[in-house]
Amino acid sequence: MGVIHSCFRCGSEFETVGRVCLACRKDKTPRVPQLGDRLSARELQVVSLVAKGNPNKRIALELHLTEGTVKEYLNRIFRKAGAANRTELAIWYLNEKRVP
């Protein structure tokens, strides 16, 4: 019998190596950004600065946040936007801005 782990995402117990259970793991296929969950006002500030090409350090300075907080915002935004990287996020944001 292997070691029982608790999934970092859903909290369920599983018996494989890793930090997330199989149900919560995302497939490795490239994802097309999906319009869906809306962003908070602060998340919109972060993503607009990403879309302008600013690095995390610059975003942190401009919004008076730590770089760690910016990274947390970006992880949440990536999930909501369905983006895998900053480029997809910027494209998603620019397309979303045009939708009334």
PDB file of N, CA and C in Angstrom:
ATOM      1  N   MET A   1       0.838  -1.185   0.000  1.00  0.00           N
ATOM      2  CA  MET A   1       0.000   0.000   0.000  1.00  0.00           C
ATOM      3  C   MET A   1       0.880   1.245   0.000  1.00  0.00           C
ATOM      4  N   GLY A   2       0.566   2.213  -0.872  1.00  0.00           N
ATOM      5  CA  GLY A   2       1.347   3.439  -0.999  1.00  0.00           C
ATOM      6  C   GLY A   2       0.972   4.468   0.052  1.00  0.00           C
ATOM      7  N   VAL A   3       1.615   5.577  -0.037  1.00  0.00           N
ATOM      8  CA  VAL A   3       1.364   6.684   0.885  1.00  0.00           C
ATOM      9  C   VAL A   3       0.109   7.426   0.443  1.00  0.00           C
ATOM     10  N   ILE A   4      -0.733   7.773   1.389  1.00  0.00           N
ATOM     11  CA  ILE A   4      -1.958   8.512   1.108  1.00  0.00           C
ATOM     12  C   ILE A   4      -1.635  10.005   1.150  1.00  0.00           C
ATOM     13  N   HIS A   5      -2.027  10.710   0.106  1.00  0.00           N
ATOM     14  CA  HIS A   5      -1.823  12.155   0.016  1.00  0.00           C
ATOM     15  C   HIS A   5      -3.181  12.849   0.023  1.00  0.00           C
ATOM     16  N   SER A   6      -3.183  14.104   0.377  1.00  0.00           N
ATOM     17  CA  SER A   6      -4.392  14.919   0.287  1.00  0.00           C
ATOM     18  C   SER A   6      -4.203  15.904  -0.859  1.00  0.00           C
ATOM     19  N   CYS A   7      -5.174  15.952  -1.758  1.00  0.00           N
ATOM     20  CA  CYS A   7      -5.087  16.812  -2.939  1.00  0.00           C
ATOM     21  C   CYS A   7      -5.056  18.282  -2.528  1.00  0.00           C
ATOM     22  N   PHE A   8      -4.132  19.041  -3.101  1.00  0.00           N
ATOM     23  CA  PHE A   8      -4.005  20.458  -2.789  1.00  0.00           C
ATOM     24  C   PHE A   8      -5.175  21.269  -3.311  1.00  0.00           C
ATOM     25  N   ARG A   9      -5.871  20.760  -4.336  1.00  0.00           N
ATOM     26  CA  ARG A   9      -6.969  21.516  -4.937  1.00  0.00           C
ATOM     27  C   ARG A   9      -8.314  21.189  -4.322  1.00  0.00           C
ATOM     28  N   CYS A  10      -8.654  19.889  -4.259  1.00  0.00           N
ATOM     29  CA  CYS A  10     -10.002  19.529  -3.806  1.00  0.00           C
ATOM     30  C   CYS A  10     -10.029  18.926  -2.404  1.00  0.00           C
ATOM     31  N   GLY A  11      -8.876  18.524  -1.872  1.00  0.00           N
ATOM     32  CA  GLY A  11      -8.816  17.979  -0.526  1.00  0.00           C
ATOM     33  C   GLY A  11      -9.059  16.481  -0.438  1.00  0.00           C
ATOM     34  N   SER A  12      -9.415  15.840  -1.541  1.00  0.00           N
ATOM     35  CA  SER A  12      -9.666  14.403  -1.496  1.00  0.00           C
ATOM     36  C   SER A  12      -8.352  13.651  -1.330  1.00  0.00           C
ATOM     37  N   GLU A  13      -8.451  12.424  -0.790  1.00  0.00           N
ATOM     38  CA  GLU A  13      -7.261  11.619  -0.581  1.00  0.00           C
ATOM     39  C   GLU A  13      -7.003  10.750  -1.798  1.00  0.00           C
ATOM     40  N   PHE A  14      -5.720  10.568  -2.124  1.00  0.00           N
ATOM     41  CA  PHE A  14      -5.354   9.727  -3.253  1.00  0.00           C
ATOM     42  C   PHE A  14      -4.026   9.046  -2.950  1.00  0.00           C
ATOM     43  N   GLU A  15      -3.684   8.039  -3.763  1.00  0.00           N
ATOM     44  CA  GLU A  15      -2.548   7.195  -3.447  1.00  0.00           C
ATOM     45  C   GLU A  15      -1.474   7.182  -4.533  1.00  0.00           C
ATOM     46  N   THR A  16      -1.254   8.305  -5.193  1.00  0.00           N
ATOM     47  CA  THR A  16      -0.189   8.379  -6.181  1.00  0.00           C
ATOM     48  C   THR A  16       0.781   9.465  -5.772  1.00  0.00           C
ATOM     49  N   VAL A  17       1.857   9.567  -6.506  1.00  0.00           N
ATOM     50  CA  VAL A  17       2.853  10.602  -6.234  1.00  0.00           C
ATOM     51  C   VAL A  17       2.357  11.911  -6.829  1.00  0.00           C
ATOM     52  N   GLY A  18       2.553  12.983  -6.139  1.00  0.00           N
ATOM     53  CA  GLY A  18       2.158  14.297  -6.620  1.00  0.00           C
ATOM     54  C   GLY A  18       1.383  15.046  -5.565  1.00  0.00           C
ATOM     55  N   ARG A  19       0.981  16.244  -5.923  1.00  0.00           N
ATOM     56  CA  ARG A  19       0.267  17.090  -4.972  1.00  0.00           C
ATOM     57  C   ARG A  19      -1.204  17.242  -5.311  1.00  0.00           C
ATOM     58  N   VAL A  20      -1.600  16.773  -6.505  1.00  0.00           N
ATOM     59  CA  VAL A  20      -2.994  16.884  -6.927  1.00  0.00           C
ATOM     60  C   VAL A  20      -3.495  15.521  -7.402  1.00  0.00           C
ATOM     61  N   CYS A  21      -4.758  15.233  -7.113  1.00  0.00           N
ATOM     62  CA  CYS A  21      -5.340  13.959  -7.529  1.00  0.00           C
ATOM     63  C   CYS A  21      -5.554  13.948  -9.044  1.00  0.00           C
ATOM     64  N   LEU A  22      -5.800  12.764  -9.583  1.00  0.00           N
ATOM     65  CA  LEU A  22      -5.979  12.629 -11.026  1.00  0.00           C
ATOM     66  C   LEU A  22      -7.172  13.448 -11.528  1.00  0.00           C
ATOM     67  N   ALA A  23      -8.231  13.524 -10.736  1.00  0.00           N
ATOM     68  CA  ALA A  23      -9.423  14.271 -11.159  1.00  0.00           C
ATOM     69  C   ALA A  23      -9.132  15.762 -11.315  1.00  0.00           C
ATOM     70  N   CYS A  24      -8.205  16.286 -10.530  1.00  0.00           N
ATOM     71  CA  CYS A  24      -7.909  17.723 -10.572  1.00  0.00           C
ATOM     72  C   CYS A  24      -6.783  18.085 -11.539  1.00  0.00           C
ATOM     73  N   ARG A  25      -6.039  17.102 -12.002  1.00  0.00           N
ATOM     74  CA  ARG A  25      -4.943  17.395 -12.925  1.00  0.00           C
ATOM     75  C   ARG A  25      -5.480  17.869 -14.257  1.00  0.00           C
ATOM     76  N   LYS A  26      -4.809  18.816 -14.814  1.00  0.00           N
ATOM     77  CA  LYS A  26      -5.208  19.343 -16.116  1.00  0.00           C
ATOM     78  C   LYS A  26      -4.439  18.596 -17.189  1.00  0.00           C
ATOM     79  N   ASP A  27      -5.086  18.360 -18.307  1.00  0.00           N
ATOM     80  CA  ASP A  27      -4.372  17.715 -19.408  1.00  0.00           C
ATOM     81  C   ASP A  27      -3.356  18.687 -19.992  1.00  0.00           C
ATOM     82  N   LYS A  28      -2.375  18.137 -20.661  1.00  0.00           N
ATOM     83  CA  LYS A  28      -1.259  18.934 -21.177  1.00  0.00           C
ATOM     84  C   LYS A  28      -1.519  19.502 -22.564  1.00  0.00           C
ATOM     85  N   THR A  29      -2.709  19.315 -23.105  1.00  0.00           N
ATOM     86  CA  THR A  29      -2.995  19.849 -24.434  1.00  0.00           C
ATOM     87  C   THR A  29      -3.164  21.357 -24.353  1.00  0.00           C
ATOM     88  N   PRO A  30      -2.743  22.067 -25.381  1.00  0.00           N
ATOM     89  CA  PRO A  30      -2.907  23.517 -25.368  1.00  0.00           C
ATOM     90  C   PRO A  30      -4.384  23.890 -25.286  1.00  0.00           C
ATOM     91  N   ARG A  31      -4.667  24.897 -24.501  1.00  0.00           N
ATOM     92  CA  ARG A  31      -6.053  25.308 -24.309  1.00  0.00           C
ATOM     93  C   ARG A  31      -6.316  26.613 -25.027  1.00  0.00           C
ATOM     94  N   VAL A  32      -7.491  26.704 -25.565  1.00  0.00           N
ATOM     95  CA  VAL A  32      -7.933  27.954 -26.165  1.00  0.00           C
ATOM     96  C   VAL A  32      -8.590  28.758 -25.050  1.00  0.00           C
ATOM     97  N   PRO A  33      -8.181  29.995 -24.844  1.00  0.00           N
ATOM     98  CA  PRO A  33      -8.808  30.791 -23.795  1.00  0.00           C
ATOM     99  C   PRO A  33     -10.313  30.868 -23.982  1.00  0.00           C
ATOM    100  N   GLN A  34     -11.020  30.668 -22.885  1.00  0.00           N
ATOM    101  CA  GLN A  34     -12.480  30.706 -22.930  1.00  0.00           C
ATOM    102  C   GLN A  34     -12.975  31.914 -22.151  1.00  0.00           C
ATOM    103  N   LEU A  35     -13.954  32.572 -22.723  1.00  0.00           N
ATOM    104  CA  LEU A  35     -14.589  33.642 -21.980  1.00  0.00           C
ATOM    105  C   LEU A  35     -15.448  32.973 -20.930  1.00  0.00           C
ATOM    106  N   GLY A  36     -15.447  33.465 -19.766  1.00  0.00           N
ATOM    107  CA  GLY A  36     -16.207  32.803 -18.708  1.00  0.00           C
ATOM    108  C   GLY A  36     -16.256  33.675 -17.492  1.00  0.00           C
ATOM    109  N   ASP A  37     -15.615  33.182 -16.461  1.00  0.00           N
ATOM    110  CA  ASP A  37     -15.621  33.908 -15.198  1.00  0.00           C
ATOM    111  C   ASP A  37     -15.114  35.330 -15.369  1.00  0.00           C
ATOM    112  N   ARG A  38     -15.756  36.234 -14.746  1.00  0.00           N
ATOM    113  CA  ARG A  38     -15.331  37.633 -14.805  1.00  0.00           C
ATOM    114  C   ARG A  38     -14.267  37.894 -13.751  1.00  0.00           C
ATOM    115  N   LEU A  39     -13.470  38.891 -13.988  1.00  0.00           N
ATOM    116  CA  LEU A  39     -12.378  39.242 -13.088  1.00  0.00           C
ATOM    117  C   LEU A  39     -12.790  40.345 -12.135  1.00  0.00           C
ATOM    118  N   SER A  40     -12.165  40.355 -10.957  1.00  0.00           N
ATOM    119  CA  SER A  40     -12.390  41.443 -10.005  1.00  0.00           C
ATOM    120  C   SER A  40     -11.696  42.703 -10.527  1.00  0.00           C
ATOM    121  N   ALA A  41     -11.971  43.812  -9.888  1.00  0.00           N
ATOM    122  CA  ALA A  41     -11.367  45.080 -10.315  1.00  0.00           C
ATOM    123  C   ALA A  41      -9.837  45.011 -10.214  1.00  0.00           C
ATOM    124  N   ARG A  42      -9.322  44.416  -9.140  1.00  0.00           N
ATOM    125  CA  ARG A  42      -7.876  44.314  -8.956  1.00  0.00           C
ATOM    126  C   ARG A  42      -7.270  43.363  -9.990  1.00  0.00           C
ATOM    127  N   GLU A  43      -7.966  42.258 -10.275  1.00  0.00           N
ATOM    128  CA  GLU A  43      -7.487  41.326 -11.293  1.00  0.00           C
ATOM    129  C   GLU A  43      -7.441  42.004 -12.663  1.00  0.00           C
ATOM    130  N   LEU A  44      -8.427  42.848 -12.942  1.00  0.00           N
ATOM    131  CA  LEU A  44      -8.429  43.600 -14.199  1.00  0.00           C
ATOM    132  C   LEU A  44      -7.234  44.542 -14.276  1.00  0.00           C
ATOM    133  N   GLN A  45      -6.878  45.156 -13.162  1.00  0.00           N
ATOM    134  CA  GLN A  45      -5.699  46.023 -13.147  1.00  0.00           C
ATOM    135  C   GLN A  45      -4.443  45.221 -13.480  1.00  0.00           C
ATOM    136  N   VAL A  46      -4.317  44.060 -12.862  1.00  0.00           N
ATOM    137  CA  VAL A  46      -3.140  43.218 -13.090  1.00  0.00           C
ATOM    138  C   VAL A  46      -3.077  42.774 -14.541  1.00  0.00           C
ATOM    139  N   VAL A  47      -4.186  42.261 -15.066  1.00  0.00           N
ATOM    140  CA  VAL A  47      -4.169  41.739 -16.432  1.00  0.00           C
ATOM    141  C   VAL A  47      -3.969  42.857 -17.459  1.00  0.00           C
ATOM    142  N   SER A  48      -4.464  44.047 -17.172  1.00  0.00           N
ATOM    143  CA  SER A  48      -4.243  45.146 -18.121  1.00  0.00           C
ATOM    144  C   SER A  48      -2.765  45.514 -18.180  1.00  0.00           C
ATOM    145  N   LEU A  49      -2.077  45.438 -17.053  1.00  0.00           N
ATOM    146  CA  LEU A  49      -0.640  45.720 -17.035  1.00  0.00           C
ATOM    147  C   LEU A  49       0.154  44.594 -17.709  1.00  0.00           C
ATOM    148  N   VAL A  50      -0.318  43.366 -17.575  1.00  0.00           N
ATOM    149  CA  VAL A  50       0.315  42.243 -18.280  1.00  0.00           C
ATOM    150  C   VAL A  50       0.156  42.442 -19.783  1.00  0.00           C
ATOM    151  N   ALA A  51      -1.036  42.846 -20.199  1.00  0.00           N
ATOM    152  CA  ALA A  51      -1.315  43.051 -21.627  1.00  0.00           C
ATOM    153  C   ALA A  51      -0.441  44.156 -22.211  1.00  0.00           C
ATOM    154  N   LYS A  52       0.021  45.078 -21.372  1.00  0.00           N
ATOM    155  CA  LYS A  52       0.916  46.147 -21.832  1.00  0.00           C
ATOM    156  C   LYS A  52       2.379  45.705 -21.823  1.00  0.00           C
ATOM    157  N   GLY A  53       2.626  44.449 -21.407  1.00  0.00           N
ATOM    158  CA  GLY A  53       3.982  43.904 -21.441  1.00  0.00           C
ATOM    159  C   GLY A  53       4.800  44.121 -20.189  1.00  0.00           C
ATOM    160  N   ASN A  54       4.170  44.529 -19.101  1.00  0.00           N
ATOM    161  CA  ASN A  54       4.909  44.773 -17.859  1.00  0.00           C
ATOM    162  C   ASN A  54       5.288  43.471 -17.164  1.00  0.00           C
ATOM    163  N   PRO A  55       6.509  43.374 -16.630  1.00  0.00           N
ATOM    164  CA  PRO A  55       6.896  42.200 -15.828  1.00  0.00           C
ATOM    165  C   PRO A  55       6.271  42.280 -14.433  1.00  0.00           C
ATOM    166  N   ASN A  56       6.300  41.165 -13.704  1.00  0.00           N
ATOM    167  CA  ASN A  56       5.692  41.124 -12.369  1.00  0.00           C
ATOM    168  C   ASN A  56       6.232  42.204 -11.438  1.00  0.00           C
ATOM    169  N   LYS A  57       7.525  42.463 -11.506  1.00  0.00           N
ATOM    170  CA  LYS A  57       8.128  43.460 -10.614  1.00  0.00           C
ATOM    171  C   LYS A  57       7.531  44.846 -10.856  1.00  0.00           C
ATOM    172  N   ARG A  58       7.367  45.217 -12.107  1.00  0.00           N
ATOM    173  CA  ARG A  58       6.787  46.519 -12.463  1.00  0.00           C
ATOM    174  C   ARG A  58       5.318  46.599 -12.032  1.00  0.00           C
ATOM    175  N   ILE A  59       4.582  45.501 -12.238  1.00  0.00           N
ATOM    176  CA  ILE A  59       3.174  45.455 -11.824  1.00  0.00           C
ATOM    177  C   ILE A  59       3.080  45.627 -10.317  1.00  0.00           C
ATOM    178  N   ALA A  60       3.958  44.939  -9.583  1.00  0.00           N
ATOM    179  CA  ALA A  60       3.969  45.035  -8.125  1.00  0.00           C
ATOM    180  C   ALA A  60       4.236  46.469  -7.672  1.00  0.00           C
ATOM    181  N   LEU A  61       5.209  47.128  -8.299  1.00  0.00           N
ATOM    182  CA  LEU A  61       5.525  48.508  -7.930  1.00  0.00           C
ATOM    183  C   LEU A  61       4.360  49.452  -8.227  1.00  0.00           C
ATOM    184  N   GLU A  62       3.757  49.280  -9.380  1.00  0.00           N
ATOM    185  CA  GLU A  62       2.674  50.174  -9.785  1.00  0.00           C
ATOM    186  C   GLU A  62       1.424  50.015  -8.922  1.00  0.00           C
ATOM    187  N   LEU A  63       1.128  48.776  -8.504  1.00  0.00           N
ATOM    188  CA  LEU A  63      -0.089  48.523  -7.733  1.00  0.00           C
ATOM    189  C   LEU A  63       0.172  48.430  -6.229  1.00  0.00           C
ATOM    190  N   HIS A  64       1.409  48.689  -5.824  1.00  0.00           N
ATOM    191  CA  HIS A  64       1.799  48.648  -4.410  1.00  0.00           C
ATOM    192  C   HIS A  64       1.517  47.275  -3.809  1.00  0.00           C
ATOM    193  N   LEU A  65       1.989  46.237  -4.507  1.00  0.00           N
ATOM    194  CA  LEU A  65       1.846  44.853  -4.065  1.00  0.00           C
ATOM    195  C   LEU A  65       3.219  44.217  -4.017  1.00  0.00           C
ATOM    196  N   THR A  66       3.306  43.024  -3.428  1.00  0.00           N
ATOM    197  CA  THR A  66       4.550  42.264  -3.508  1.00  0.00           C
ATOM    198  C   THR A  66       4.516  41.443  -4.792  1.00  0.00           C
ATOM    199  N   GLU A  67       5.694  41.026  -5.249  1.00  0.00           N
ATOM    200  CA  GLU A  67       5.745  40.187  -6.448  1.00  0.00           C
ATOM    201  C   GLU A  67       5.004  38.872  -6.225  1.00  0.00           C
ATOM    202  N   GLY A  68       5.070  38.347  -5.001  1.00  0.00           N
ATOM    203  CA  GLY A  68       4.360  37.113  -4.672  1.00  0.00           C
ATOM    204  C   GLY A  68       2.856  37.273  -4.825  1.00  0.00           C
ATOM    205  N   THR A  69       2.336  38.423  -4.412  1.00  0.00           N
ATOM    206  CA  THR A  69       0.908  38.688  -4.552  1.00  0.00           C
ATOM    207  C   THR A  69       0.520  38.797  -6.021  1.00  0.00           C
ATOM    208  N   VAL A  70       1.373  39.415  -6.808  1.00  0.00           N
ATOM    209  CA  VAL A  70       1.114  39.515  -8.254  1.00  0.00           C
ATOM    210  C   VAL A  70       1.057  38.116  -8.859  1.00  0.00           C
ATOM    211  N   LYS A  71       1.977  37.232  -8.454  1.00  0.00           N
ATOM    212  CA  LYS A  71       1.979  35.859  -8.962  1.00  0.00           C
ATOM    213  C   LYS A  71       0.696  35.128  -8.572  1.00  0.00           C
ATOM    214  N   GLU A  72       0.228  35.349  -7.347  1.00  0.00           N
ATOM    215  CA  GLU A  72      -1.025  34.724  -6.916  1.00  0.00           C
ATOM    216  C   GLU A  72      -2.193  35.232  -7.763  1.00  0.00           C
ATOM    217  N   TYR A  73      -2.242  36.531  -7.989  1.00  0.00           N
ATOM    218  CA  TYR A  73      -3.288  37.093  -8.852  1.00  0.00           C
ATOM    219  C   TYR A  73      -3.215  36.473 -10.250  1.00  0.00           C
ATOM    220  N   LEU A  74      -2.012  36.376 -10.791  1.00  0.00           N
ATOM    221  CA  LEU A  74      -1.859  35.835 -12.141  1.00  0.00           C
ATOM    222  C   LEU A  74      -2.318  34.381 -12.227  1.00  0.00           C
ATOM    223  N   ASN A  75      -1.985  33.577 -11.224  1.00  0.00           N
ATOM    224  CA  ASN A  75      -2.447  32.185 -11.227  1.00  0.00           C
ATOM    225  C   ASN A  75      -3.964  32.105 -11.230  1.00  0.00           C
ATOM    226  N   ARG A  76      -4.607  32.939 -10.433  1.00  0.00           N
ATOM    227  CA  ARG A  76      -6.070  32.970 -10.374  1.00  0.00           C
ATOM    228  C   ARG A  76      -6.645  33.452 -11.706  1.00  0.00           C
ATOM    229  N   ILE A  77      -6.019  34.465 -12.281  1.00  0.00           N
ATOM    230  CA  ILE A  77      -6.484  35.022 -13.558  1.00  0.00           C
ATOM    231  C   ILE A  77      -6.314  33.997 -14.679  1.00  0.00           C
ATOM    232  N   PHE A  78      -5.167  33.288 -14.685  1.00  0.00           N
ATOM    233  CA  PHE A  78      -4.949  32.254 -15.707  1.00  0.00           C
ATOM    234  C   PHE A  78      -6.074  31.228 -15.675  1.00  0.00           C
ATOM    235  N   ARG A  79      -6.469  30.799 -14.480  1.00  0.00           N
ATOM    236  CA  ARG A  79      -7.551  29.819 -14.358  1.00  0.00           C
ATOM    237  C   ARG A  79      -8.869  30.385 -14.870  1.00  0.00           C
ATOM    238  N   LYS A  80      -9.190  31.600 -14.460  1.00  0.00           N
ATOM    239  CA  LYS A  80     -10.461  32.208 -14.867  1.00  0.00           C
ATOM    240  C   LYS A  80     -10.523  32.449 -16.370  1.00  0.00           C
ATOM    241  N   ALA A  81      -9.408  32.860 -16.940  1.00  0.00           N
ATOM    242  CA  ALA A  81      -9.384  33.186 -18.363  1.00  0.00           C
ATOM    243  C   ALA A  81      -9.140  31.959 -19.235  1.00  0.00           C
ATOM    244  N   GLY A  82      -8.705  30.863 -18.627  1.00  0.00           N
ATOM    245  CA  GLY A  82      -8.380  29.680 -19.403  1.00  0.00           C
ATOM    246  C   GLY A  82      -7.101  29.853 -20.202  1.00  0.00           C
ATOM    247  N   ALA A  83      -6.219  30.712 -19.721  1.00  0.00           N
ATOM    248  CA  ALA A  83      -4.961  31.000 -20.419  1.00  0.00           C
ATOM    249  C   ALA A  83      -3.831  30.195 -19.803  1.00  0.00           C
ATOM    250  N   ALA A  84      -2.900  29.756 -20.637  1.00  0.00           N
ATOM    251  CA  ALA A  84      -1.767  28.961 -20.171  1.00  0.00           C
ATOM    252  C   ALA A  84      -0.519  29.815 -19.934  1.00  0.00           C
ATOM    253  N   ASN A  85      -0.484  31.026 -20.502  1.00  0.00           N
ATOM    254  CA  ASN A  85       0.693  31.879 -20.343  1.00  0.00           C
ATOM    255  C   ASN A  85       0.291  33.344 -20.504  1.00  0.00           C
ATOM    256  N   ARG A  86       1.273  34.231 -20.334  1.00  0.00           N
ATOM    257  CA  ARG A  86       1.002  35.667 -20.369  1.00  0.00           C
ATOM    258  C   ARG A  86       0.513  36.132 -21.740  1.00  0.00           C
ATOM    259  N   THR A  87       1.034  35.527 -22.794  1.00  0.00           N
ATOM    260  CA  THR A  87       0.617  35.920 -24.143  1.00  0.00           C
ATOM    261  C   THR A  87      -0.849  35.589 -24.373  1.00  0.00           C
ATOM    262  N   GLU A  88      -1.250  34.364 -24.013  1.00  0.00           N
ATOM    263  CA  GLU A  88      -2.664  33.983 -24.138  1.00  0.00           C
ATOM    264  C   GLU A  88      -3.540  34.881 -23.281  1.00  0.00           C
ATOM    265  N   LEU A  89      -3.050  35.230 -22.099  1.00  0.00           N
ATOM    266  CA  LEU A  89      -3.808  36.096 -21.202  1.00  0.00           C
ATOM    267  C   LEU A  89      -4.004  37.474 -21.829  1.00  0.00           C
ATOM    268  N   ALA A  90      -2.950  38.024 -22.416  1.00  0.00           N
ATOM    269  CA  ALA A  90      -3.046  39.344 -23.048  1.00  0.00           C
ATOM    270  C   ALA A  90      -4.031  39.312 -24.212  1.00  0.00           C
ATOM    271  N   ILE A  91      -3.964  38.260 -25.026  1.00  0.00           N
ATOM    272  CA  ILE A  91      -4.898  38.126 -26.144  1.00  0.00           C
ATOM    273  C   ILE A  91      -6.320  37.997 -25.628  1.00  0.00           C
ATOM    274  N   TRP A  92      -6.525  37.168 -24.594  1.00  0.00           N
ATOM    275  CA  TRP A  92      -7.855  36.996 -23.997  1.00  0.00           C
ATOM    276  C   TRP A  92      -8.395  38.338 -23.506  1.00  0.00           C
ATOM    277  N   TYR A  93      -7.549  39.080 -22.799  1.00  0.00           N
ATOM    278  CA  TYR A  93      -7.969  40.363 -22.235  1.00  0.00           C
ATOM    279  C   TYR A  93      -8.347  41.351 -23.336  1.00  0.00           C
ATOM    280  N   LEU A  94      -7.520  41.443 -24.366  1.00  0.00           N
ATOM    281  CA  LEU A  94      -7.804  42.384 -25.451  1.00  0.00           C
ATOM    282  C   LEU A  94      -9.088  42.004 -26.196  1.00  0.00           C
ATOM    283  N   ASN A  95      -9.316  40.709 -26.384  1.00  0.00           N
ATOM    284  CA  ASN A  95     -10.581  40.270 -27.001  1.00  0.00           C
ATOM    285  C   ASN A  95     -11.767  40.519 -26.089  1.00  0.00           C
ATOM    286  N   GLU A  96     -11.587  40.278 -24.798  1.00  0.00           N
ATOM    287  CA  GLU A  96     -12.667  40.471 -23.820  1.00  0.00           C
ATOM    288  C   GLU A  96     -13.062  41.929 -23.711  1.00  0.00           C
ATOM    289  N   LYS A  97     -12.088  42.825 -23.812  1.00  0.00           N
ATOM    290  CA  LYS A  97     -12.365  44.269 -23.723  1.00  0.00           C
ATOM    291  C   LYS A  97     -13.288  44.729 -24.837  1.00  0.00           C
ATOM    292  N   ARG A  98     -13.224  44.080 -25.974  1.00  0.00           N
ATOM    293  CA  ARG A  98     -14.037  44.494 -27.129  1.00  0.00           C
ATOM    294  C   ARG A  98     -15.460  43.994 -27.027  1.00  0.00           C
ATOM    295  N   VAL A  99     -15.708  43.002 -26.155  1.00  0.00           N
ATOM    296  CA  VAL A  99     -17.064  42.461 -26.009  1.00  0.00           C
ATOM    297  C   VAL A  99     -17.840  43.384 -25.072  1.00  0.00           C
ATOM    298  N   PRO A 100     -19.011  43.887 -25.488  1.00  0.00           N
ATOM    299  CA  PRO A 100     -19.756  44.809 -24.615  1.00  0.00           C
ATOM    300  C   PRO A 100     -20.310  44.122 -23.384  1.00  0.00           C
TER     301      PRO A 100
END
